[in-house]
Amino acid sequence: MADLRRLGKRGAYRLGQLGAPPSAPRKPPGPHYPSWVPGHRGPVSLWLLGCLAAVAVIAAAALIGWWFMPFVAGLAGGIASHLGRWRLRTALLATVVVAALGWAVPLGWQARTGAIGATARVVAALAGLPAHSWAGIAATLLVAVLQALAGLWLGRALFPRLPRPA
């Protein structure tokens, strides 16, 4: 019954005393100096060769009708960029360029021969875009880039973060 007598009195609820004692104030962080030392693994020429191989694979897959290949290439690129410790903005740029070039090469080749001009106009008109072939091709390239970015996100999310070397 002693608890009932304390109700409403100062200190009865011990608010603010539930946590640990306050820690000592921390020092402000030291100054940050930018570093231009590459923090990735492997030579850049090897990575560029990998990007060119991905463009070729996406282009060949587009010619045989595998429309999902930008996602697979983005997934592989996300895993490789995460393991190679590439920064996200570098991986994003490479993914966008690889996906766009991978689909632009076969679409450009077919547009040059006149095989897809009418089809692209009809697809653009049905999608509510201007009835021009460039609108259908641009929408196709945008879908390929979005697929590759989704694959990149998934590829980087599959692995836990690795600690940066000191």
Protein backbone atom coordinates (compact mmCIF):
# COMPACT_ATOMS: atom_id res chain seq x y z
CA MET A 1 0.00 0.00 0.00
CA ALA A 2 3.01 2.26 0.20
CA ASP A 3 2.82 2.79 -3.53
CA LEU A 4 -0.66 4.23 -3.33
CA ARG A 5 0.50 6.94 -0.92
CA ARG A 6 3.17 8.08 -3.41
CA LEU A 7 0.78 8.60 -6.32
CA GLY A 8 0.75 12.19 -7.53
CA LYS A 9 3.82 13.18 -5.51
CA ARG A 10 7.15 14.34 -6.89
CA GLY A 11 9.45 11.46 -7.92
CA ALA A 12 6.70 8.88 -7.70
CA TYR A 13 7.04 7.80 -11.33
CA ARG A 14 10.84 8.09 -11.68
CA LEU A 15 10.57 9.53 -15.17
CA GLY A 16 13.90 10.06 -16.85
CA GLN A 17 15.67 7.49 -14.72
CA LEU A 18 14.77 4.43 -16.78
CA GLY A 19 17.73 4.60 -19.16
CA ALA A 20 21.43 4.31 -18.56
CA PRO A 21 23.30 7.30 -17.17
CA PRO A 22 24.17 9.87 -19.83
CA SER A 23 27.40 9.17 -21.62
CA ALA A 24 30.25 11.62 -21.82
CA PRO A 25 29.98 14.07 -24.71
CA ARG A 26 31.75 12.86 -27.82
CA LYS A 27 34.40 14.77 -29.68
CA PRO A 28 33.31 16.25 -32.97
CA PRO A 29 34.36 14.13 -35.95
CA GLY A 30 37.68 14.92 -37.57
CA PRO A 31 37.85 16.71 -40.88
CA HIS A 32 37.03 14.71 -43.99
CA TYR A 33 39.49 14.87 -46.83
CA PRO A 34 38.36 13.62 -50.23
CA SER A 35 40.25 10.69 -51.63
CA TRP A 36 40.91 10.04 -55.30
CA VAL A 37 42.40 6.65 -54.66
CA PRO A 38 40.29 3.99 -56.38
CA GLY A 39 38.50 1.87 -53.82
CA HIS A 40 37.38 -0.85 -56.21
CA ARG A 41 38.85 -4.18 -57.07
CA GLY A 42 40.29 -4.96 -60.47
CA PRO A 43 41.46 -2.80 -63.36
CA VAL A 44 39.06 -0.42 -65.04
CA SER A 45 39.74 -2.00 -68.44
CA LEU A 46 38.38 -5.31 -67.14
CA TRP A 47 35.21 -3.59 -65.94
CA LEU A 48 34.80 -1.83 -69.30
CA LEU A 49 35.24 -5.15 -71.07
CA GLY A 50 32.53 -6.59 -68.82
CA CYS A 51 30.20 -3.72 -69.72
CA LEU A 52 30.82 -4.27 -73.43
CA ALA A 53 30.11 -7.98 -72.99
CA ALA A 54 26.85 -7.11 -71.20
CA VAL A 55 25.86 -4.82 -74.09
CA ALA A 56 26.55 -7.65 -76.55
CA VAL A 57 24.55 -10.16 -74.49
CA ILE A 58 21.58 -7.79 -74.15
CA ALA A 59 21.68 -6.98 -77.87
CA ALA A 60 21.81 -10.66 -78.86
CA ALA A 61 19.01 -11.49 -76.44
CA ALA A 62 16.88 -8.65 -77.82
CA LEU A 63 17.29 -10.02 -81.32
CA ILE A 64 15.96 -13.43 -80.27
CA GLY A 65 13.11 -11.93 -78.25
CA TRP A 66 14.35 -12.23 -74.68
CA TRP A 67 13.00 -8.89 -73.48
CA PHE A 68 13.89 -9.61 -69.80
CA MET A 69 17.66 -9.73 -70.34
CA PRO A 70 18.31 -6.13 -69.08
CA PHE A 71 17.00 -7.26 -65.69
CA VAL A 72 19.34 -10.26 -65.66
CA ALA A 73 22.28 -8.07 -66.73
CA GLY A 74 21.40 -5.53 -64.05
CA LEU A 75 21.25 -8.31 -61.47
CA ALA A 76 24.69 -9.58 -62.49
CA GLY A 77 26.01 -6.02 -62.56
CA GLY A 78 24.63 -5.34 -59.08
CA ILE A 79 26.34 -8.39 -57.66
CA ALA A 80 29.61 -7.61 -59.45
CA SER A 81 29.59 -3.94 -58.46
CA HIS A 82 28.87 -4.82 -54.84
CA LEU A 83 31.63 -7.41 -54.69
CA GLY A 84 33.98 -5.07 -56.55
CA ARG A 85 33.13 -2.25 -54.13
CA TRP A 86 32.06 0.19 -56.82
CA ARG A 87 30.13 3.21 -55.63
CA LEU A 88 26.41 3.19 -56.26
CA ARG A 89 26.47 6.22 -58.54
CA THR A 90 29.11 4.57 -60.75
CA ALA A 91 27.12 1.36 -60.88
CA LEU A 92 23.93 3.29 -61.71
CA LEU A 93 25.59 5.13 -64.59
CA ALA A 94 27.12 1.94 -65.98
CA THR A 95 23.80 0.09 -65.69
CA VAL A 96 21.86 2.80 -67.50
CA VAL A 97 24.42 3.00 -70.32
CA VAL A 98 24.67 -0.79 -70.72
CA ALA A 99 20.90 -1.31 -70.80
CA ALA A 100 20.26 1.59 -73.17
CA LEU A 101 23.04 0.56 -75.56
CA GLY A 102 22.07 -3.09 -75.36
CA TRP A 103 18.61 -2.34 -76.66
CA ALA A 104 19.55 0.61 -78.87
CA VAL A 105 21.90 -1.47 -81.03
CA PRO A 106 19.31 -3.99 -82.29
CA LEU A 107 16.55 -1.38 -82.46
CA GLY A 108 18.79 0.94 -84.46
CA TRP A 109 19.78 -1.89 -86.77
CA GLN A 110 16.17 -2.85 -87.39
CA ALA A 111 15.10 0.79 -87.78
CA ARG A 112 17.82 1.26 -90.38
CA THR A 113 16.42 -1.58 -92.44
CA GLY A 114 12.88 -0.26 -91.97
CA ALA A 115 11.67 -3.30 -90.07
CA ILE A 116 10.26 -1.61 -86.96
CA GLY A 117 9.25 1.92 -87.97
CA ALA A 118 5.56 1.18 -88.49
CA THR A 119 5.40 -1.13 -85.49
CA ALA A 120 6.98 1.48 -83.23
CA ARG A 121 4.46 4.10 -84.43
CA VAL A 122 1.52 1.81 -83.68
CA VAL A 123 2.88 0.84 -80.26
CA ALA A 124 3.48 4.49 -79.40
CA ALA A 125 -0.04 5.44 -80.49
CA LEU A 126 -1.58 2.59 -78.48
CA ALA A 127 0.42 3.63 -75.42
CA GLY A 128 -0.94 7.16 -75.64
CA LEU A 129 2.35 8.65 -76.83
CA PRO A 130 2.81 10.70 -79.98
CA ALA A 131 2.39 8.46 -83.01
CA HIS A 132 6.02 8.62 -84.06
CA SER A 133 8.51 5.79 -84.23
CA TRP A 134 10.99 7.63 -81.99
CA ALA A 135 8.40 7.66 -79.17
CA GLY A 136 7.95 3.90 -79.32
CA ILE A 137 11.71 3.34 -79.42
CA ALA A 138 12.28 5.77 -76.52
CA ALA A 139 9.61 3.99 -74.46
CA THR A 140 11.28 0.65 -75.20
CA LEU A 141 14.67 2.00 -74.10
CA LEU A 142 13.12 3.42 -70.94
CA VAL A 143 11.60 0.05 -70.05
CA ALA A 144 14.98 -1.63 -70.61
CA VAL A 145 16.71 0.90 -68.35
CA LEU A 146 14.08 0.47 -65.62
CA GLN A 147 14.45 -3.31 -65.78
CA ALA A 148 18.23 -3.02 -65.46
CA LEU A 149 17.96 -0.63 -62.51
CA ALA A 150 15.58 -3.02 -60.74
CA GLY A 151 18.07 -5.82 -61.33
CA LEU A 152 20.92 -3.66 -60.03
CA TRP A 153 18.97 -2.87 -56.87
CA LEU A 154 18.19 -6.54 -56.28
CA GLY A 155 21.76 -7.61 -56.98
CA ARG A 156 23.16 -5.14 -54.46
CA ALA A 157 20.48 -6.02 -51.91
CA LEU A 158 21.21 -9.75 -52.00
CA PHE A 159 24.58 -9.37 -50.29
CA PRO A 160 25.23 -7.89 -46.86
CA ARG A 161 27.39 -4.81 -46.69
CA LEU A 162 31.06 -5.55 -46.68
CA PRO A 163 33.28 -3.40 -44.45
CA ARG A 164 35.43 -0.91 -46.32
CA PRO A 165 39.16 -1.59 -46.10
CA ALA A 166 41.07 0.89 -44.00
